[in-house]
Every structure is written in structure tokens, then in C-alpha cells.
Protein backbone atom coordinates (compact mmCIF):
# COMPACT_ATOMS: atom_id res chain seq x y z
CA MET A 1 -240.39 -130.26 -142.58
CA GLU A 2 -238.96 -126.65 -142.24
CA GLU A 3 -241.96 -125.62 -140.16
CA TYR A 4 -241.17 -127.90 -137.31
CA GLY A 5 -237.81 -126.24 -136.83
CA TYR A 6 -235.70 -128.91 -138.31
CA GLU A 7 -234.55 -129.94 -141.87
CA TYR A 8 -234.30 -133.41 -143.14
CA HIS A 9 -231.32 -134.40 -145.16
CA PHE A 10 -230.88 -137.64 -146.86
CA PRO A 11 -227.45 -139.10 -146.03
CA THR A 12 -225.14 -138.58 -149.08
CA GLY A 13 -222.87 -141.47 -147.66
CA LEU A 14 -225.90 -143.88 -147.95
CA ILE A 15 -226.46 -142.89 -151.52
CA ILE A 16 -222.78 -143.31 -152.45
CA PHE A 17 -222.78 -146.57 -150.69
CA ALA A 18 -225.88 -147.75 -152.54
CA LEU A 19 -224.34 -146.81 -155.83
CA VAL A 20 -221.16 -148.51 -155.21
CA ILE A 21 -223.00 -151.69 -154.26
CA GLN A 22 -225.29 -151.34 -157.49
CA ILE A 23 -222.20 -150.80 -159.70
CA PHE A 24 -220.60 -153.85 -158.28
CA LEU A 25 -223.54 -156.02 -158.87
CA ILE A 26 -223.84 -154.74 -162.48
CA VAL A 27 -220.18 -155.77 -163.05
CA ALA A 28 -220.73 -159.19 -161.58
CA MET A 29 -223.77 -159.69 -163.75
CA TRP A 30 -221.83 -158.36 -166.80
CA LYS A 31 -219.31 -161.13 -166.10
CA VAL A 32 -221.89 -163.87 -165.74
CA TYR A 33 -223.27 -162.80 -169.12
CA THR A 34 -219.91 -162.80 -170.81
CA LYS A 35 -218.86 -166.16 -169.34
CA ALA A 36 -222.11 -167.37 -171.05
CA GLY A 37 -220.96 -165.99 -174.31
CA GLN A 38 -223.63 -163.29 -174.29
CA PRO A 39 -223.06 -159.46 -174.51
CA GLY A 40 -222.30 -158.03 -170.99
CA TRP A 41 -224.02 -154.77 -171.61
CA ALA A 42 -227.40 -156.82 -172.01
CA CYS A 43 -227.58 -157.08 -168.13
CA ILE A 44 -228.26 -153.39 -167.89
CA ILE A 45 -231.28 -153.25 -170.39
CA PRO A 46 -234.49 -153.92 -168.74
CA ILE A 47 -236.62 -156.78 -170.16
CA TYR A 48 -233.76 -157.60 -172.69
CA ASN A 49 -231.70 -158.86 -169.83
CA ILE A 50 -234.42 -161.32 -168.97
CA TYR A 51 -234.48 -162.50 -172.61
CA ILE A 52 -230.72 -163.04 -172.52
CA MET A 53 -231.12 -165.01 -169.14
CA THR A 54 -233.65 -167.21 -171.07
CA LYS A 55 -230.97 -167.88 -173.69
CA ILE A 56 -228.32 -168.64 -171.13
CA ALA A 57 -230.64 -170.97 -169.32
CA GLY A 58 -231.67 -172.66 -172.59
CA LYS A 59 -235.37 -171.73 -172.31
CA PRO A 60 -237.57 -170.22 -175.05
CA GLY A 61 -237.77 -166.41 -175.38
CA TRP A 62 -241.55 -166.40 -174.81
CA TRP A 63 -240.74 -166.91 -171.03
CA VAL A 64 -240.23 -163.24 -171.01
CA LEU A 65 -243.91 -162.86 -171.20
CA MET A 66 -244.26 -164.90 -168.10
CA PHE A 67 -242.64 -162.24 -166.17
CA PHE A 68 -245.45 -159.95 -166.67
CA LEU A 69 -248.00 -162.22 -164.96
CA PRO A 70 -248.54 -161.66 -161.27
CA PHE A 71 -247.50 -164.67 -159.12
CA VAL A 72 -246.65 -166.64 -162.14
CA ASN A 73 -243.50 -164.57 -162.55
CA PHE A 74 -242.20 -165.82 -159.08
CA VAL A 75 -242.33 -169.31 -160.26
CA PHE A 76 -240.58 -168.64 -163.58
CA PHE A 77 -238.07 -166.38 -161.94
CA ILE A 78 -236.96 -169.13 -159.45
CA TRP A 79 -237.11 -171.76 -162.40
CA LEU A 80 -234.94 -169.51 -164.59
CA ILE A 81 -232.32 -168.79 -161.83
CA ASN A 82 -232.27 -172.61 -161.12
CA MET A 83 -231.48 -173.19 -164.91
CA ILE A 84 -228.80 -170.64 -164.89
CA SER A 85 -227.31 -172.13 -161.75
CA LYS A 86 -227.18 -175.48 -163.40
CA SER A 87 -225.75 -174.04 -166.66
CA PHE A 88 -222.75 -173.08 -164.45
CA GLY A 89 -222.40 -176.53 -162.79
CA LYS A 90 -224.02 -175.32 -159.49
CA ASP A 91 -226.74 -177.08 -157.60
CA GLU A 92 -230.02 -176.30 -156.11
CA GLY A 93 -228.38 -174.89 -152.91
CA PHE A 94 -226.59 -172.32 -155.00
CA THR A 95 -229.92 -171.53 -156.69
CA VAL A 96 -231.26 -170.59 -153.23
CA GLY A 97 -228.16 -168.45 -152.56
CA LEU A 98 -228.79 -166.61 -155.94
CA VAL A 99 -232.46 -165.96 -155.05
CA LEU A 100 -232.22 -165.05 -151.33
CA LEU A 101 -228.53 -163.63 -151.12
CA GLY A 102 -228.01 -162.42 -154.78
CA ILE A 103 -225.73 -159.56 -153.56
CA ILE A 104 -223.30 -162.41 -152.39
CA PHE A 105 -223.94 -165.25 -155.03
CA TRP A 106 -224.09 -163.38 -158.31
CA PRO A 107 -220.43 -162.02 -157.52
CA ILE A 108 -219.38 -165.53 -156.74
CA LEU A 109 -220.82 -166.83 -160.03
CA GLY A 110 -219.23 -163.85 -161.93
CA PHE A 111 -215.87 -163.51 -160.45
CA GLY A 112 -215.38 -167.09 -159.31
CA SER A 113 -214.11 -170.12 -161.01
CA ALA A 114 -217.51 -171.18 -162.40
CA ARG A 115 -217.64 -172.01 -166.23
CA TYR A 116 -220.53 -171.88 -168.44
CA LEU A 117 -221.32 -175.45 -169.34
CA GLY A 118 -224.06 -174.89 -171.73
CA PRO A 119 -227.85 -174.90 -170.89
CA TYR A 120 -228.74 -177.09 -168.09
CA GLY A 121 -224.99 -177.69 -167.58
CA ASP A 122 -225.33 -180.70 -169.58
CA PRO A 123 -225.32 -180.54 -173.45
CA VAL A 124 -226.76 -184.08 -173.84
CA ALA A 125 -229.57 -183.39 -171.38
CA PHE A 126 -230.11 -180.16 -173.17
CA GLN A 127 -230.67 -181.80 -176.57
CA ALA A 128 -232.70 -184.36 -175.12
CA ALA A 129 -235.07 -181.69 -173.78
CA GLN A 130 -235.22 -179.80 -177.02
CA ASN A 131 -236.13 -182.81 -178.99
CA PRO A 132 -238.49 -184.92 -176.81
CA GLN A 133 -239.39 -188.42 -178.22
CA PHE A 134 -242.00 -190.77 -176.79
CA ASP A 135 -241.03 -194.36 -176.25
CA PHE A 136 -242.95 -195.45 -179.48
CA GLU A 137 -240.86 -192.97 -181.53
CA LYS A 138 -237.61 -194.65 -180.67
CA HIS A 139 -238.25 -197.95 -182.32
């Protein structure tokens, strides 16, 4: 760019602002993980953080593999976020917030009054989902 008589400088303030926002979001996610009884540092380790999110949501660890499949990963991502939302006693509206406005809703989940209720947010429903029985098995 020097040959045209001007020099381009990336704004340092923008870089600092982006770093502050990223650190804030990491701290918020760290709080979400610790509220769920998981190690907070796991939120900064790529791929392992998804595995820990599956544990928080009560889903099997093999779900991590689904995140490597194009298009399928979107479905599993939204499903996983919905299960995390329910695990903290929130509804589908909060799930939409986590997916579309994560910069606002993850801090609400981490710093707010939400408590981890267990996978699905209902331990009885979670156990029922883990041990499915058909009608003929109940008799």
C-alpha cells in the first residue's frame, strides 16, 4: 500500500476492544462450566470444550464427532445449546438468545442467578431418557 502514497494501519483500539470482549466471554463461559460442576478451564480448549458441553447437556460424548460433519453440525449445535439452556432451567426463547445473541446471553447464564439443574433441567426426565423402556417392558 506504500506505493499509493498512504499507509494502512489497523486500529489498535479495535484490537484491544475485541480482546476485552473475548476475555469477557471466556470468563462468562468459565462461570457456566463451573456452575455445571465442570472445570472452567475446559472452555478454552478446542474440541474438549464441546465434549464438556455434551456432558453438561447429558448427551453422549460421541456427539463431538457430529460437529465435524458439514450441515449436520448446525443441527447438533442448536440441539446441544437447547439442552444446555434446559439444564439451567431456561426455555427455547433463551436458546434462541444463546444461538443468535451469545455475546449477551452467555454472560446472563454465567453471571446471572441461573442454577444448573442437571441434564435436561429435570433429573427424572434425564433418567427416563437414559433408560428407555417400551410399553411391553413395563409389565
